[in-house]
Amino acid sequence: MSISIKYVVTDPCYVLDNDVWSKCCEVFDKYKDDEFMYQRFDEAVSKALVEYTGYPAFACGTGFGDWKNKLSGIGVIKSDFFADAGMVCVCRLTPKILKLWKEKYGTQAFSGMAIFEASKDISVEFDVSDKNWTVVNIKDNKTQAIISSMDSDFYEEEEDYEL
């Protein structure tokens, strides 16, 4: 019997508590003039997500800021997500994240958070080849199922979106 695990795709500032997020942001003070500052921030956020959830997690800066996107593929439960800190993450949807999300956003539960199911063995790649967009590619290594976010053409079609 295969066990499906729920994962979330969203901005990591939404799933980390404020103290943890603030600690991650200290990278900007420490490495202010470093050419690898944003890479260091991605690494700090990924590490914080792993420590916070207890499971592998992945984070990447989008390079531009506010955005919205949708997932498509086998296993997608809720497709739309957005960000306002210029980052995107993929991590397990743990009870700790659910509790924090409900405390922070109350009746807007799960707004801005895409949810999908997959095995415990996933790979995540962030395609940042378009400097104005980030595509999230997730592969379930057990089933070979692929889940991806939309490319920049999707955003151009969605003019009525507001954060």
C-alpha atoms as a PDB file:
ATOM      1  CA  MET A   1       0.000   0.000   0.000  1.00  0.00           C
ATOM      2  CA  SER A   2       1.335   3.416  -1.012  1.00  0.00           C
ATOM      3  CA  ILE A   3       1.131   6.276   1.454  1.00  0.00           C
ATOM      4  CA  SER A   4       0.414   9.716   0.032  1.00  0.00           C
ATOM      5  CA  ILE A   5       1.844  12.704   1.825  1.00  0.00           C
ATOM      6  CA  LYS A   6       0.419  16.202   1.563  1.00  0.00           C
ATOM      7  CA  TYR A   7       2.800  18.966   0.522  1.00  0.00           C
ATOM      8  CA  VAL A   8       2.403  22.722   0.242  1.00  0.00           C
ATOM      9  CA  VAL A   9       3.706  25.198  -2.326  1.00  0.00           C
ATOM     10  CA  THR A  10       3.645  28.824  -1.185  1.00  0.00           C
ATOM     11  CA  ASP A  11       5.807  31.671   0.012  1.00  0.00           C
ATOM     12  CA  PRO A  12       7.842  30.420   2.997  1.00  0.00           C
ATOM     13  CA  CYS A  13       7.050  33.592   4.948  1.00  0.00           C
ATOM     14  CA  TYR A  14       3.512  32.213   5.261  1.00  0.00           C
ATOM     15  CA  VAL A  15       4.519  28.858   6.783  1.00  0.00           C
ATOM     16  CA  LEU A  16       7.354  29.890   9.091  1.00  0.00           C
ATOM     17  CA  ASP A  17       6.564  31.653  12.325  1.00  0.00           C
ATOM     18  CA  ASN A  18       7.627  35.293  12.552  1.00  0.00           C
ATOM     19  CA  ASP A  19      10.661  34.641  14.756  1.00  0.00           C
ATOM     20  CA  VAL A  20      12.065  32.025  12.385  1.00  0.00           C
ATOM     21  CA  TRP A  21      11.377  34.224   9.341  1.00  0.00           C
ATOM     22  CA  SER A  22      13.093  37.200  11.008  1.00  0.00           C
ATOM     23  CA  LYS A  23      16.128  35.053  11.763  1.00  0.00           C
ATOM     24  CA  CYS A  24      16.314  34.062   8.071  1.00  0.00           C
ATOM     25  CA  CYS A  25      16.136  37.719   7.039  1.00  0.00           C
ATOM     26  CA  GLU A  26      19.261  38.474   9.079  1.00  0.00           C
ATOM     27  CA  VAL A  27      21.173  37.100   6.077  1.00  0.00           C
ATOM     28  CA  PHE A  28      20.527  40.420   4.342  1.00  0.00           C
ATOM     29  CA  ASP A  29      22.288  42.329   7.129  1.00  0.00           C
ATOM     30  CA  LYS A  30      25.153  39.883   7.444  1.00  0.00           C
ATOM     31  CA  TYR A  31      25.856  39.528   3.701  1.00  0.00           C
ATOM     32  CA  LYS A  32      24.622  42.926   2.470  1.00  0.00           C
ATOM     33  CA  ASP A  33      27.307  43.399  -0.216  1.00  0.00           C
ATOM     34  CA  ASP A  34      27.920  39.730  -0.988  1.00  0.00           C
ATOM     35  CA  GLU A  35      27.213  38.673  -4.585  1.00  0.00           C
ATOM     36  CA  PHE A  36      25.784  35.391  -3.246  1.00  0.00           C
ATOM     37  CA  MET A  37      23.455  37.068  -0.717  1.00  0.00           C
ATOM     38  CA  TYR A  38      20.249  35.765  -2.338  1.00  0.00           C
ATOM     39  CA  GLN A  39      21.646  32.253  -2.678  1.00  0.00           C
ATOM     40  CA  ARG A  40      22.583  32.372   1.015  1.00  0.00           C
ATOM     41  CA  PHE A  41      19.049  33.521   1.823  1.00  0.00           C
ATOM     42  CA  ASP A  42      17.542  30.608  -0.169  1.00  0.00           C
ATOM     43  CA  GLU A  43      19.799  28.229   1.770  1.00  0.00           C
ATOM     44  CA  ALA A  44      18.887  29.790   5.130  1.00  0.00           C
ATOM     45  CA  VAL A  45      15.164  29.545   4.383  1.00  0.00           C
ATOM     46  CA  SER A  46      15.458  25.943   3.145  1.00  0.00           C
ATOM     47  CA  LYS A  47      17.357  25.009   6.308  1.00  0.00           C
ATOM     48  CA  ALA A  48      14.776  26.779   8.491  1.00  0.00           C
ATOM     49  CA  LEU A  49      11.948  24.907   6.742  1.00  0.00           C
ATOM     50  CA  VAL A  50      13.705  21.576   7.308  1.00  0.00           C
ATOM     51  CA  GLU A  51      14.202  22.373  10.990  1.00  0.00           C
ATOM     52  CA  TYR A  52      10.647  23.705  11.344  1.00  0.00           C
ATOM     53  CA  THR A  53       8.892  20.790   9.615  1.00  0.00           C
ATOM     54  CA  GLY A  54      11.334  17.964  10.337  1.00  0.00           C
ATOM     55  CA  TYR A  55      11.325  16.951   6.657  1.00  0.00           C
ATOM     56  CA  PRO A  56      13.189  17.854   3.458  1.00  0.00           C
ATOM     57  CA  ALA A  57      12.119  21.238   2.116  1.00  0.00           C
ATOM     58  CA  PHE A  58      13.042  23.439  -0.801  1.00  0.00           C
ATOM     59  CA  ALA A  59      13.013  27.232  -1.218  1.00  0.00           C
ATOM     60  CA  CYS A  60      13.978  29.606  -3.976  1.00  0.00           C
ATOM     61  CA  GLY A  61      13.836  33.333  -4.526  1.00  0.00           C
ATOM     62  CA  THR A  62      11.766  34.374  -7.505  1.00  0.00           C
ATOM     63  CA  GLY A  63      13.956  37.378  -8.190  1.00  0.00           C
ATOM     64  CA  PHE A  64      11.072  39.804  -8.525  1.00  0.00           C
ATOM     65  CA  GLY A  65       8.530  39.864  -5.674  1.00  0.00           C
ATOM     66  CA  ASP A  66       4.728  39.585  -5.632  1.00  0.00           C
ATOM     67  CA  TRP A  67       3.299  36.898  -7.852  1.00  0.00           C
ATOM     68  CA  LYS A  68       0.717  34.170  -8.203  1.00  0.00           C
ATOM     69  CA  ASN A  69       0.774  30.825  -9.911  1.00  0.00           C
ATOM     70  CA  LYS A  70      -0.997  27.484 -10.246  1.00  0.00           C
ATOM     71  CA  LEU A  71       0.103  23.877 -10.104  1.00  0.00           C
ATOM     72  CA  SER A  72      -0.985  21.242 -12.556  1.00  0.00           C
ATOM     73  CA  GLY A  73      -0.404  17.509 -12.599  1.00  0.00           C
ATOM     74  CA  ILE A  74      -1.428  14.275 -10.931  1.00  0.00           C
ATOM     75  CA  GLY A  75      -1.960  14.651  -7.189  1.00  0.00           C
ATOM     76  CA  VAL A  76      -2.835  18.359  -7.112  1.00  0.00           C
ATOM     77  CA  ILE A  77      -5.559  19.009  -4.514  1.00  0.00           C
ATOM     78  CA  LYS A  78      -5.556  22.815  -4.554  1.00  0.00           C
ATOM     79  CA  SER A  79      -3.711  24.482  -7.409  1.00  0.00           C
ATOM     80  CA  ASP A  80      -3.366  28.215  -6.774  1.00  0.00           C
ATOM     81  CA  PHE A  81      -0.671  29.842  -4.662  1.00  0.00           C
ATOM     82  CA  PHE A  82       0.957  33.229  -4.304  1.00  0.00           C
ATOM     83  CA  ALA A  83       3.787  35.050  -2.630  1.00  0.00           C
ATOM     84  CA  ASP A  84       4.670  38.512  -1.494  1.00  0.00           C
ATOM     85  CA  ALA A  85       8.219  38.038  -0.224  1.00  0.00           C
ATOM     86  CA  GLY A  86       9.644  37.061  -3.591  1.00  0.00           C
ATOM     87  CA  MET A  87      10.096  33.413  -2.659  1.00  0.00           C
ATOM     88  CA  VAL A  88       8.496  30.056  -3.222  1.00  0.00           C
ATOM     89  CA  CYS A  89       8.881  26.873  -1.205  1.00  0.00           C
ATOM     90  CA  VAL A  90       7.844  23.242  -1.321  1.00  0.00           C
ATOM     91  CA  CYS A  91       7.545  21.368   1.960  1.00  0.00           C
ATOM     92  CA  ARG A  92       5.394  18.841   3.782  1.00  0.00           C
ATOM     93  CA  LEU A  93       2.103  20.150   5.071  1.00  0.00           C
ATOM     94  CA  THR A  94       2.569  19.379   8.751  1.00  0.00           C
ATOM     95  CA  PRO A  95       0.150  19.935  11.653  1.00  0.00           C
ATOM     96  CA  LYS A  96       2.542  22.651  12.869  1.00  0.00           C
ATOM     97  CA  ILE A  97       2.163  24.544   9.570  1.00  0.00           C
ATOM     98  CA  LEU A  98      -1.618  24.084   9.570  1.00  0.00           C
ATOM     99  CA  LYS A  99      -1.895  25.421  13.119  1.00  0.00           C
ATOM    100  CA  LEU A 100       0.280  28.445  12.403  1.00  0.00           C
ATOM    101  CA  TRP A 101      -1.562  29.146   9.128  1.00  0.00           C
ATOM    102  CA  LYS A 102      -4.935  29.134  10.888  1.00  0.00           C
ATOM    103  CA  GLU A 103      -3.592  31.356  13.690  1.00  0.00           C
ATOM    104  CA  LYS A 104      -2.192  33.860  11.187  1.00  0.00           C
ATOM    105  CA  TYR A 105      -4.957  33.881   8.586  1.00  0.00           C
ATOM    106  CA  GLY A 106      -8.049  32.485  10.326  1.00  0.00           C
ATOM    107  CA  THR A 107     -10.973  32.351   7.917  1.00  0.00           C
ATOM    108  CA  GLN A 108      -8.688  32.659   4.892  1.00  0.00           C
ATOM    109  CA  ALA A 109      -7.460  29.141   5.541  1.00  0.00           C
ATOM    110  CA  PHE A 110      -5.352  27.865   2.683  1.00  0.00           C
ATOM    111  CA  SER A 111      -5.703  30.997   0.541  1.00  0.00           C
ATOM    112  CA  GLY A 112      -2.398  31.366  -1.283  1.00  0.00           C
ATOM    113  CA  MET A 113      -1.289  27.813  -0.555  1.00  0.00           C
ATOM    114  CA  ALA A 114      -1.232  25.093  -3.222  1.00  0.00           C
ATOM    115  CA  ILE A 115      -1.540  21.546  -1.888  1.00  0.00           C
ATOM    116  CA  PHE A 116      -0.613  18.286  -3.568  1.00  0.00           C
ATOM    117  CA  GLU A 117      -0.135  14.635  -2.626  1.00  0.00           C
ATOM    118  CA  ALA A 118       2.871  12.518  -3.510  1.00  0.00           C
ATOM    119  CA  SER A 119       5.112   9.854  -2.033  1.00  0.00           C
ATOM    120  CA  LYS A 120       7.790  10.736   0.509  1.00  0.00           C
ATOM    121  CA  ASP A 121      10.399  10.644  -2.275  1.00  0.00           C
ATOM    122  CA  ILE A 122      10.097  13.844  -4.308  1.00  0.00           C
ATOM    123  CA  SER A 123      12.564  15.974  -6.248  1.00  0.00           C
ATOM    124  CA  VAL A 124      12.069  19.704  -6.653  1.00  0.00           C
ATOM    125  CA  GLU A 125      13.657  21.962  -9.225  1.00  0.00           C
ATOM    126  CA  PHE A 126      13.132  25.682  -9.619  1.00  0.00           C
ATOM    127  CA  ASP A 127      13.488  26.941 -13.180  1.00  0.00           C
ATOM    128  CA  VAL A 128      14.691  30.550 -12.960  1.00  0.00           C
ATOM    129  CA  SER A 129      15.877  30.796 -16.576  1.00  0.00           C
ATOM    130  CA  ASP A 130      13.255  33.504 -17.232  1.00  0.00           C
ATOM    131  CA  LYS A 131      14.463  36.347 -14.985  1.00  0.00           C
ATOM    132  CA  ASN A 132      10.852  37.540 -14.631  1.00  0.00           C
ATOM    133  CA  TRP A 133       9.355  34.219 -13.575  1.00  0.00           C
ATOM    134  CA  THR A 134      10.021  31.052 -11.593  1.00  0.00           C
ATOM    135  CA  VAL A 135       8.607  27.659 -12.553  1.00  0.00           C
ATOM    136  CA  VAL A 136       8.341  24.993  -9.849  1.00  0.00           C
ATOM    137  CA  ASN A 137       8.878  21.424 -11.082  1.00  0.00           C
ATOM    138  CA  ILE A 138       8.134  18.545  -8.718  1.00  0.00           C
ATOM    139  CA  LYS A 139       8.718  14.888  -9.509  1.00  0.00           C
ATOM    140  CA  ASP A 140       7.401  12.005  -7.444  1.00  0.00           C
ATOM    141  CA  ASN A 141      10.372   9.656  -7.765  1.00  0.00           C
ATOM    142  CA  LYS A 142       8.268   6.652  -6.768  1.00  0.00           C
ATOM    143  CA  THR A 143       5.417   7.091  -9.266  1.00  0.00           C
ATOM    144  CA  GLN A 144       7.271   9.288 -11.800  1.00  0.00           C
ATOM    145  CA  ALA A 145       4.325  11.744 -11.675  1.00  0.00           C
ATOM    146  CA  ILE A 146       5.218  15.336 -12.521  1.00  0.00           C
ATOM    147  CA  ILE A 147       3.649  18.468 -11.046  1.00  0.00           C
ATOM    148  CA  SER A 148       4.611  21.872 -12.402  1.00  0.00           C
ATOM    149  CA  SER A 149       3.604  25.452 -11.936  1.00  0.00           C
ATOM    150  CA  MET A 150       2.574  27.563 -14.893  1.00  0.00           C
ATOM    151  CA  ASP A 151       5.061  29.587 -16.919  1.00  0.00           C
ATOM    152  CA  SER A 152       4.984  33.354 -17.400  1.00  0.00           C
ATOM    153  CA  ASP A 153       2.336  33.112 -20.166  1.00  0.00           C
ATOM    154  CA  PHE A 154      -0.138  32.124 -17.430  1.00  0.00           C
ATOM    155  CA  TYR A 155       0.379  35.403 -15.572  1.00  0.00           C
ATOM    156  CA  GLU A 156      -0.177  37.522 -18.673  1.00  0.00           C
ATOM    157  CA  GLU A 157      -3.609  35.927 -19.062  1.00  0.00           C
ATOM    158  CA  GLU A 158      -4.568  36.660 -15.436  1.00  0.00           C
ATOM    159  CA  GLU A 159      -4.805  40.463 -15.411  1.00  0.00           C
ATOM    160  CA  ASP A 160      -7.486  40.693 -12.717  1.00  0.00           C
ATOM    161  CA  TYR A 161      -5.282  39.286  -9.939  1.00  0.00           C
ATOM    162  CA  GLU A 162      -4.574  41.321  -6.813  1.00  0.00           C
ATOM    163  CA  LEU A 163      -2.740  40.350  -3.638  1.00  0.00           C
END
